[in-house]
Protein backbone atom coordinates (compact mmCIF):
# COMPACT_ATOMS: atom_id res chain seq x y z
CA MET A 1 -44.37 -137.68 170.78
CA ASP A 2 -45.20 -140.91 172.64
CA SER A 3 -46.54 -139.41 175.86
CA ILE A 4 -46.97 -135.88 177.08
CA ASN A 5 -47.38 -136.78 180.75
CA GLN A 6 -43.74 -136.21 181.69
CA LEU A 7 -43.71 -132.84 179.96
CA ILE A 8 -46.42 -131.43 182.20
CA ASP A 9 -46.10 -129.26 185.29
CA HIS A 10 -49.64 -129.80 186.60
CA THR A 11 -50.59 -126.43 188.00
CA TYR A 12 -52.93 -124.84 190.51
CA LEU A 13 -52.03 -121.22 191.24
CA LYS A 14 -55.43 -119.62 191.77
CA PRO A 15 -55.47 -117.42 194.87
CA PHE A 16 -58.63 -119.03 196.25
CA GLY A 17 -57.44 -122.64 196.17
CA THR A 18 -58.53 -124.84 199.06
CA LYS A 19 -57.04 -128.04 200.47
CA GLU A 20 -59.61 -129.96 198.44
CA ASP A 21 -58.39 -128.28 195.25
CA ILE A 22 -54.78 -129.15 196.05
CA ASP A 23 -55.70 -132.73 196.95
CA THR A 24 -57.36 -133.09 193.55
CA LEU A 25 -54.24 -131.70 191.86
CA LEU A 26 -51.99 -134.13 193.75
CA ASP A 27 -54.22 -137.12 193.01
CA GLU A 28 -54.30 -136.24 189.32
CA ALA A 29 -50.53 -135.87 189.21
CA LEU A 30 -50.06 -139.28 190.80
CA THR A 31 -52.64 -140.94 188.57
CA HIS A 32 -51.22 -139.53 185.35
CA HIS A 33 -47.53 -139.53 186.33
CA PHE A 34 -46.99 -135.84 185.58
CA LYS A 35 -43.51 -134.37 185.90
CA SER A 36 -44.48 -132.04 188.73
CA VAL A 37 -47.18 -130.15 190.51
CA CYS A 38 -46.83 -126.37 190.59
CA VAL A 39 -48.45 -124.78 193.64
CA GLN A 40 -48.39 -121.55 195.59
CA PRO A 41 -45.69 -121.42 198.32
CA THR A 42 -48.23 -121.94 201.08
CA TRP A 43 -48.90 -125.47 199.77
CA VAL A 44 -45.30 -126.59 199.23
CA SER A 45 -44.77 -128.43 202.50
CA TYR A 46 -48.13 -130.20 202.19
CA ALA A 47 -47.44 -131.21 198.59
CA ALA A 48 -43.92 -132.39 199.43
CA GLU A 49 -45.18 -134.57 202.25
CA SER A 50 -48.01 -135.96 200.13
CA LEU A 51 -45.73 -136.82 197.20
CA LYS A 52 -42.63 -137.99 199.08
CA LYS A 53 -43.07 -141.62 198.03
CA SER A 54 -43.60 -140.74 194.37
CA ASP A 55 -41.53 -139.43 191.47
CA VAL A 56 -43.72 -136.33 191.08
CA LEU A 57 -41.73 -133.18 191.78
CA VAL A 58 -42.93 -130.15 193.71
CA CYS A 59 -42.60 -126.79 191.96
CA THR A 60 -43.53 -123.40 193.36
CA VAL A 61 -43.54 -119.76 192.29
CA ILE A 62 -41.45 -116.83 193.50
CA GLY A 63 -42.13 -113.11 193.04
CA PHE A 64 -45.48 -114.19 191.70
CA PRO A 65 -47.28 -113.01 189.66
CA LEU A 66 -45.87 -109.50 189.10
CA GLY A 67 -42.12 -110.00 189.44
CA ALA A 68 -41.87 -106.67 191.25
CA SER A 69 -40.80 -107.89 194.68
CA THR A 70 -37.35 -106.83 195.84
CA THR A 71 -34.50 -109.22 195.15
CA ARG A 72 -34.04 -109.71 198.88
CA THR A 73 -37.69 -110.76 199.17
CA LYS A 74 -37.35 -113.20 196.27
CA VAL A 75 -34.23 -114.69 197.87
CA PHE A 76 -36.11 -115.22 201.15
CA GLU A 77 -39.09 -116.74 199.35
CA THR A 78 -36.78 -119.14 197.55
CA GLU A 79 -34.97 -120.17 200.74
CA ASP A 80 -38.30 -120.76 202.47
CA ALA A 81 -39.69 -122.79 199.58
CA LEU A 82 -36.62 -125.02 199.44
CA ARG A 83 -36.75 -125.59 203.21
CA ASN A 84 -40.36 -126.62 202.80
CA GLY A 85 -39.49 -129.23 200.19
CA ALA A 86 -39.68 -127.56 196.78
CA ASP A 87 -37.77 -129.35 194.04
CA GLU A 88 -38.14 -126.62 191.42
CA ILE A 89 -38.51 -122.84 191.54
CA ASP A 90 -40.40 -120.76 188.96
CA MET A 91 -39.45 -117.11 189.56
CA VAL A 92 -40.89 -114.06 187.81
CA LEU A 93 -38.19 -111.70 186.65
CA ASN A 94 -38.57 -107.96 187.06
CA ILE A 95 -40.54 -107.11 183.93
CA GLY A 96 -40.02 -103.37 184.35
CA TRP A 97 -36.27 -103.85 184.27
CA VAL A 98 -36.55 -105.71 180.97
CA LEU A 99 -38.74 -103.01 179.44
CA ALA A 100 -36.24 -100.37 180.58
CA GLY A 101 -33.31 -102.33 179.17
CA HIS A 102 -31.71 -102.97 182.57
CA TYR A 103 -30.50 -106.45 181.69
CA ASP A 104 -27.54 -106.32 184.07
CA GLN A 105 -29.99 -105.96 186.97
CA VAL A 106 -32.13 -108.75 185.59
CA GLU A 107 -29.11 -111.02 185.34
CA GLU A 108 -27.84 -110.16 188.82
CA GLU A 109 -31.20 -110.93 190.42
CA ILE A 110 -31.56 -114.27 188.66
CA GLN A 111 -27.99 -115.17 189.59
CA ARG A 112 -28.73 -114.54 193.27
CA ILE A 113 -31.78 -116.78 193.12
CA LYS A 114 -29.82 -119.52 191.35
CA GLU A 115 -27.13 -119.35 194.03
CA VAL A 116 -29.83 -120.15 196.58
CA CYS A 117 -31.27 -122.94 194.41
CA GLY A 118 -27.94 -124.67 193.94
CA SER A 119 -28.66 -127.96 192.18
CA LYS A 120 -32.43 -127.40 192.30
CA VAL A 121 -34.03 -126.39 189.01
CA LEU A 122 -34.66 -122.68 188.48
CA LYS A 123 -37.12 -121.57 185.81
CA VAL A 124 -37.35 -117.86 184.99
CA ILE A 125 -40.75 -116.53 183.92
CA LEU A 126 -40.39 -113.80 181.30
CA GLU A 127 -44.11 -112.91 181.01
CA THR A 128 -43.70 -112.70 177.26
CA CYS A 129 -47.10 -111.09 176.63
CA TYR A 130 -45.56 -107.76 177.73
CA LEU A 131 -42.36 -108.10 175.67
CA ASN A 132 -41.45 -107.83 172.00
CA LEU A 133 -39.34 -110.49 170.36
CA GLU A 134 -36.08 -108.59 170.85
CA GLN A 135 -36.80 -108.19 174.56
CA ILE A 136 -37.68 -111.89 174.79
CA ALA A 137 -34.32 -112.74 173.21
CA LEU A 138 -32.35 -110.44 175.52
CA ALA A 139 -34.21 -111.58 178.64
CA THR A 140 -33.57 -115.20 177.69
CA GLN A 141 -29.87 -114.46 177.23
CA ALA A 142 -29.73 -112.74 180.62
CA ALA A 143 -31.37 -115.73 182.31
CA VAL A 144 -28.94 -118.14 180.66
CA LYS A 145 -25.92 -116.03 181.66
CA ALA A 146 -27.23 -115.98 185.23
CA GLY A 147 -27.37 -119.77 185.36
CA ALA A 148 -31.10 -120.43 185.00
CA ASP A 149 -32.05 -123.96 184.04
CA PHE A 150 -35.20 -122.98 182.14
CA VAL A 151 -36.93 -119.95 180.74
CA LYS A 152 -40.72 -119.91 180.90
CA THR A 153 -43.22 -117.87 178.95
CA SER A 154 -45.98 -116.86 181.32
CA THR A 155 -47.53 -116.66 184.77
CA GLY A 156 -51.09 -117.18 183.59
CA PHE A 157 -52.00 -113.84 185.16
CA GLY A 158 -50.85 -111.60 182.32
CA THR A 159 -52.67 -110.65 179.14
CA GLY A 160 -51.65 -113.79 177.24
CA GLY A 161 -49.82 -117.09 177.36
CA ALA A 162 -47.30 -118.93 175.23
CA THR A 163 -47.17 -118.20 171.52
CA PRO A 164 -45.20 -120.09 168.87
CA GLU A 165 -43.23 -116.93 168.09
CA ALA A 166 -42.20 -116.38 171.70
CA VAL A 167 -41.29 -120.02 172.27
CA ALA A 168 -39.23 -120.15 169.08
CA MET A 169 -37.32 -117.04 170.12
CA MET A 170 -36.67 -118.43 173.60
CA VAL A 171 -35.43 -121.74 172.20
CA LYS A 172 -33.15 -119.89 169.78
CA HIS A 173 -31.43 -118.02 172.61
CA ALA A 174 -31.67 -120.55 175.45
CA ALA A 175 -28.31 -122.16 174.62
CA GLY A 176 -29.68 -125.63 175.27
CA ARG A 177 -31.45 -124.76 178.52
CA GLY A 178 -35.05 -125.84 179.00
CA VAL A 179 -38.00 -123.85 177.69
CA LYS A 180 -41.37 -124.05 179.43
CA ALA A 181 -44.48 -123.05 177.47
CA SER A 182 -47.27 -121.97 179.80
CA GLY A 183 -50.70 -120.62 179.01
CA GLY A 184 -52.72 -121.09 175.87
CA VAL A 185 -51.72 -124.74 175.40
CA LYS A 186 -55.23 -126.16 175.10
CA THR A 187 -54.95 -129.32 173.01
CA ALA A 188 -52.54 -132.18 172.41
CA SER A 189 -51.90 -130.57 169.03
CA ASP A 190 -50.84 -127.36 170.80
CA VAL A 191 -48.45 -129.41 172.92
CA GLN A 192 -47.01 -131.01 169.80
CA THR A 193 -46.53 -127.58 168.23
CA MET A 194 -44.62 -126.33 171.26
CA VAL A 195 -42.50 -129.49 171.43
CA ASP A 196 -41.69 -129.26 167.74
CA LEU A 197 -40.50 -125.69 168.36
CA GLY A 198 -38.21 -126.94 171.14
CA ALA A 199 -40.23 -126.59 174.35
CA THR A 200 -39.23 -129.16 176.95
CA ARG A 201 -41.90 -128.53 179.59
CA ILE A 202 -45.58 -127.51 179.50
CA GLY A 203 -47.21 -125.54 182.31
CA THR A 204 -50.96 -126.09 182.50
CA SER A 205 -53.85 -126.48 184.90
CA SER A 206 -55.48 -128.77 182.32
CA GLY A 207 -53.02 -131.63 182.26
CA VAL A 208 -55.72 -134.25 182.61
CA SER A 209 -57.66 -132.92 179.62
CA LEU A 210 -54.50 -132.81 177.52
CA VAL A 211 -53.47 -136.40 178.21
CA GLN A 212 -57.04 -137.53 177.54
CA GLY A 213 -57.04 -135.81 174.16
CA LYS A 214 -59.65 -133.26 175.18
CA THR A 215 -59.61 -129.48 174.70
CA ALA A 216 -58.75 -127.55 177.85
CA GLN A 217 -61.53 -125.31 179.11
CA THR A 218 -59.21 -122.70 180.60
CA ASP A 219 -56.47 -120.55 179.12
CA TYR A 220 -53.83 -121.79 181.55
């Protein structure tokens, strides 16, 4: 692994973030040539304007962090984010539907969001800390059938982040789609582990520490 910079979605999703926090995130992304910044929807237009002359993409979250918004609400959020300049969408699926085995509903909702995204990248957050391996496999399959471009482990607001077991299961059933490991990736060695398992993107608020070979001080 020559460089991890282009694997990283440099993330700030804390609810109390200020303009100064977002400016720091943007500056770090530009300095270290990260793949994207991932910000709350309220910061999308600002981030898009700030990064318009760079190759850094703007990612935002939908149905975040619980996944329990109505599909109609998630569709509106997605439309609004894209109008504001988002390049990538990270949506939280309806976790309760997965736990209840309602995979047709899960697939239908993701499909509606992907229709709105069109050629823009859609990542589906499974929140794997609440799922067993079979549910992770079935949720991944539903996301793939619905047209998602990536499946992603975690929001950072659940009880845990990416694990090797979850990532391996997602890769196994992703049919060549991207897999984003988020949460719990605290060292360059952790990144290497996830990449070796097949992860193609890393979500972290500690991108700078990771590229500098330091241990992240947060869990996300």
